[in-house]
Amino acid sequence: MGEDEIRLAKVGNNEAIEKILMNYKDYISKSSKLFYLNGGDREDLKQEGYIGLLKAIKYFDKKKCDNFDVFAHLCIKRQIFTAIRKSNNMGNQGLNSAVEDDESKISKNKNFEKSIDFYSPEDIIISKELINLLHNFLLKNLTRMERRVVFFLFRGYSYKDIAERLSEDPKKIDNCIQRIKRKVEKFKKYYYMNN
């Protein structure tokens, strides 16, 4: 999508909004066919996809994410997955309460330890897209020094080890890590505000 159309759509230009909606029609249709909505149908999922697209238009900020297409796809999928989760939770309230009772009994047993986390395919897709968005955000918003520090942080180095490897004062590295954390929090706040 062109920047002009996105800008016009953000301020409520119906022609620009319609053009964007038409541009994503096939993507929303394909996305809605992949999933099942408890108590609903494909049209309901399509509507959720369009709601996600409208949120993408509303919340897109070129300064924070330079690719509207990636952001729109993320918002569409997130909206569809949220609708599916809500509908499945409502349909399984009895089952959920039974599971909660069992979990509360299990948690009282000190020998019980959860060893595996289960993730749905939707969570995996969203996570991969968020990782790509975060990667782009960090490349765009971190200083050269912060990128060097992140490189070592991702490999499990402590701030003292990083300071030694970069021949820097540990306090300087610690301050750098705090700046990185603030920037990541800014990213999280921006991308989760419309969920």
Protein backbone atom coordinates (compact mmCIF):
# COMPACT_ATOMS: atom_id res chain seq x y z
CA MET A 1 0.00 0.00 0.00
CA GLY A 2 1.12 3.52 -0.73
CA GLU A 3 1.96 5.89 2.10
CA ASP A 4 -0.59 8.42 0.83
CA GLU A 5 -3.44 5.89 1.01
CA ILE A 6 -2.48 4.83 4.53
CA ARG A 7 -2.20 8.46 5.66
CA LEU A 8 -5.59 9.34 4.13
CA ALA A 9 -7.21 6.21 5.60
CA LYS A 10 -5.91 7.13 9.07
CA VAL A 11 -7.78 10.44 8.91
CA GLY A 12 -11.00 8.74 7.77
CA ASN A 13 -10.92 9.07 3.98
CA ASN A 14 -13.50 6.48 2.88
CA GLU A 15 -12.01 6.02 -0.58
CA ALA A 16 -8.57 5.22 0.85
CA ILE A 17 -10.07 2.88 3.48
CA GLU A 18 -12.09 1.07 0.79
CA LYS A 19 -8.97 0.67 -1.37
CA ILE A 20 -7.01 -0.84 1.54
CA LEU A 21 -9.92 -3.16 2.45
CA MET A 22 -10.12 -4.37 -1.15
CA ASN A 23 -6.36 -4.86 -1.30
CA TYR A 24 -6.46 -7.23 1.71
CA LYS A 25 -9.71 -8.99 0.76
CA ASP A 26 -8.01 -12.16 -0.55
CA TYR A 27 -5.60 -12.36 2.39
CA ILE A 28 -8.47 -12.06 4.89
CA SER A 29 -10.51 -14.64 2.98
CA LYS A 30 -7.62 -17.14 2.95
CA SER A 31 -6.84 -16.52 6.63
CA SER A 32 -10.46 -17.09 7.66
CA LYS A 33 -10.61 -20.44 5.81
CA LEU A 34 -7.76 -21.85 7.88
CA PHE A 35 -9.61 -21.73 11.20
CA TYR A 36 -12.83 -22.73 12.92
CA LEU A 37 -14.89 -20.40 15.08
CA ASN A 38 -16.94 -22.15 17.77
CA GLY A 39 -20.57 -21.06 17.27
CA GLY A 40 -19.71 -18.98 14.21
CA ASP A 41 -18.92 -19.30 10.53
CA ARG A 42 -16.41 -18.12 7.93
CA GLU A 43 -18.15 -14.77 7.51
CA ASP A 44 -17.70 -14.07 11.23
CA LEU A 45 -13.98 -14.77 10.91
CA LYS A 46 -13.76 -12.54 7.83
CA GLN A 47 -15.40 -9.73 9.79
CA GLU A 48 -12.81 -10.21 12.53
CA GLY A 49 -10.10 -10.00 9.88
CA TYR A 50 -11.50 -6.69 8.62
CA ILE A 51 -11.66 -5.38 12.21
CA GLY A 52 -7.99 -6.30 12.56
CA LEU A 53 -7.19 -4.46 9.33
CA LEU A 54 -9.03 -1.35 10.53
CA LYS A 55 -6.99 -1.50 13.74
CA ALA A 56 -3.83 -1.73 11.65
CA ILE A 57 -4.86 1.44 9.79
CA LYS A 58 -5.63 3.22 13.04
CA TYR A 59 -2.47 2.25 14.94
CA PHE A 60 0.13 2.13 12.17
CA ASP A 61 3.05 4.45 12.84
CA LYS A 62 5.79 4.60 10.22
CA LYS A 63 8.29 5.81 12.80
CA LYS A 64 7.90 2.57 14.75
CA CYS A 65 7.33 0.08 11.93
CA ASP A 66 8.21 0.90 8.34
CA ASN A 67 6.22 -1.94 6.75
CA PHE A 68 2.43 -1.55 6.77
CA ASP A 69 1.93 -4.93 5.10
CA VAL A 70 3.68 -6.84 7.91
CA PHE A 71 1.83 -4.82 10.56
CA ALA A 72 -1.54 -5.35 8.82
CA HIS A 73 -1.01 -9.11 8.55
CA LEU A 74 -0.13 -9.26 12.24
CA CYS A 75 -3.23 -7.26 13.26
CA ILE A 76 -5.53 -9.35 11.05
CA LYS A 77 -4.23 -12.66 12.43
CA ARG A 78 -4.24 -11.40 16.00
CA GLN A 79 -7.87 -10.30 15.70
CA ILE A 80 -8.92 -13.65 14.20
CA PHE A 81 -7.03 -15.62 16.87
CA THR A 82 -8.50 -13.49 19.66
CA ALA A 83 -12.03 -14.16 18.36
CA ILE A 84 -11.31 -17.90 18.17
CA ARG A 85 -9.88 -17.97 21.70
CA LYS A 86 -12.86 -16.07 23.10
CA SER A 87 -15.36 -18.32 21.36
CA ASN A 88 -13.54 -21.49 22.44
CA ASN A 89 -13.28 -20.26 26.02
CA MET A 90 -17.00 -19.47 26.13
CA GLY A 91 -17.86 -22.87 24.67
CA ASN A 92 -15.64 -24.64 27.18
CA GLN A 93 -16.48 -22.76 30.38
CA GLY A 94 -17.55 -25.95 32.15
CA LEU A 95 -14.44 -27.75 30.97
CA ASN A 96 -12.25 -24.79 31.90
CA SER A 97 -13.60 -24.63 35.44
CA ALA A 98 -13.03 -28.39 35.84
CA VAL A 99 -9.46 -27.99 34.59
CA GLU A 100 -8.90 -25.03 36.94
CA ASP A 101 -10.08 -27.15 39.87
CA ASP A 102 -7.68 -29.93 38.88
CA GLU A 103 -4.82 -27.45 38.40
CA SER A 104 -5.41 -25.94 41.84
CA LYS A 105 -5.22 -29.44 43.35
CA ILE A 106 -2.07 -30.21 41.37
CA SER A 107 -0.40 -26.93 42.36
CA LYS A 108 -0.81 -27.90 46.03
CA ASN A 109 1.22 -31.02 45.33
CA LYS A 110 4.84 -29.94 45.83
CA ASN A 111 6.13 -32.85 43.74
CA PHE A 112 4.28 -31.65 40.63
CA GLU A 113 6.35 -29.71 38.14
CA LYS A 114 5.18 -28.55 34.75
CA SER A 115 7.90 -29.59 32.35
CA ILE A 116 6.47 -28.70 28.93
CA ASP A 117 4.80 -25.54 27.70
CA PHE A 118 2.26 -26.06 24.92
CA TYR A 119 1.84 -23.46 22.21
CA SER A 120 -0.90 -23.32 19.60
CA PRO A 121 -0.02 -22.87 15.92
CA GLU A 122 -1.57 -19.39 16.13
CA ASP A 123 0.79 -18.45 18.98
CA ILE A 124 3.76 -19.68 16.96
CA ILE A 125 2.75 -17.65 13.87
CA ILE A 126 2.22 -14.49 15.93
CA SER A 127 5.52 -15.04 17.76
CA LYS A 128 7.46 -15.37 14.50
CA GLU A 129 5.91 -12.17 13.14
CA LEU A 130 6.58 -10.33 16.40
CA ILE A 131 10.20 -11.50 16.37
CA ASN A 132 10.62 -10.10 12.83
CA LEU A 133 8.98 -6.82 13.84
CA LEU A 134 11.14 -6.59 16.98
CA HIS A 135 14.28 -7.33 14.96
CA ASN A 136 13.45 -4.50 12.51
CA PHE A 137 12.58 -2.17 15.39
CA LEU A 138 15.90 -2.88 17.14
CA LEU A 139 17.93 -2.39 13.97
CA LYS A 140 16.25 0.96 13.44
CA ASN A 141 16.26 2.22 17.05
CA LEU A 142 19.40 0.90 18.75
CA THR A 143 22.73 2.67 18.66
CA ARG A 144 25.80 0.82 17.39
CA MET A 145 26.92 0.15 20.97
CA GLU A 146 23.45 -1.10 21.98
CA ARG A 147 23.40 -3.49 19.00
CA ARG A 148 26.79 -4.87 20.05
CA VAL A 149 25.53 -5.38 23.61
CA VAL A 150 22.33 -7.09 22.37
CA PHE A 151 24.46 -9.46 20.30
CA PHE A 152 26.12 -10.73 23.49
CA LEU A 153 22.94 -10.61 25.58
CA PHE A 154 21.21 -12.96 23.12
CA ARG A 155 24.09 -15.37 23.59
CA GLY A 156 23.66 -15.44 27.36
CA TYR A 157 26.57 -13.25 28.45
CA SER A 158 26.28 -11.28 31.71
CA TYR A 159 26.86 -7.53 31.69
CA LYS A 160 30.29 -8.07 33.32
CA ASP A 161 31.29 -10.56 30.61
CA ILE A 162 30.08 -8.13 27.91
CA ALA A 163 32.08 -5.30 29.48
CA GLU A 164 35.19 -7.48 29.43
CA ARG A 165 34.67 -8.55 25.80
CA LEU A 166 34.04 -4.97 24.64
CA SER A 167 36.75 -3.46 26.91
CA GLU A 168 34.19 -1.16 28.50
CA ASP A 169 33.33 -0.16 32.06
CA PRO A 170 30.69 -2.58 33.52
CA LYS A 171 28.57 0.40 34.66
CA LYS A 172 28.48 1.71 31.09
CA ILE A 173 27.29 -1.71 29.85
CA ASP A 174 24.68 -1.91 32.62
CA ASN A 175 23.35 1.54 31.63
CA CYS A 176 23.30 0.45 27.99
CA ILE A 177 21.24 -2.65 28.92
CA GLN A 178 18.75 -0.44 30.80
CA ARG A 179 18.33 1.76 27.69
CA ILE A 180 17.77 -1.35 25.56
CA LYS A 181 15.12 -2.60 27.99
CA ARG A 182 13.30 0.75 27.84
CA LYS A 183 13.28 0.62 24.03
CA VAL A 184 11.95 -2.96 24.04
CA GLU A 185 9.22 -1.88 26.48
CA LYS A 186 8.31 0.94 24.11
CA PHE A 187 8.05 -1.63 21.29
CA LYS A 188 5.85 -3.94 23.40
CA LYS A 189 3.55 -1.11 24.46
CA TYR A 190 3.07 0.01 20.85
CA TYR A 191 2.38 -3.43 19.40
CA TYR A 192 0.14 -4.71 22.17
CA MET A 193 -1.99 -1.60 22.68
CA ASN A 194 -4.60 -2.67 20.12
CA ASN A 195 -5.04 -6.24 21.28
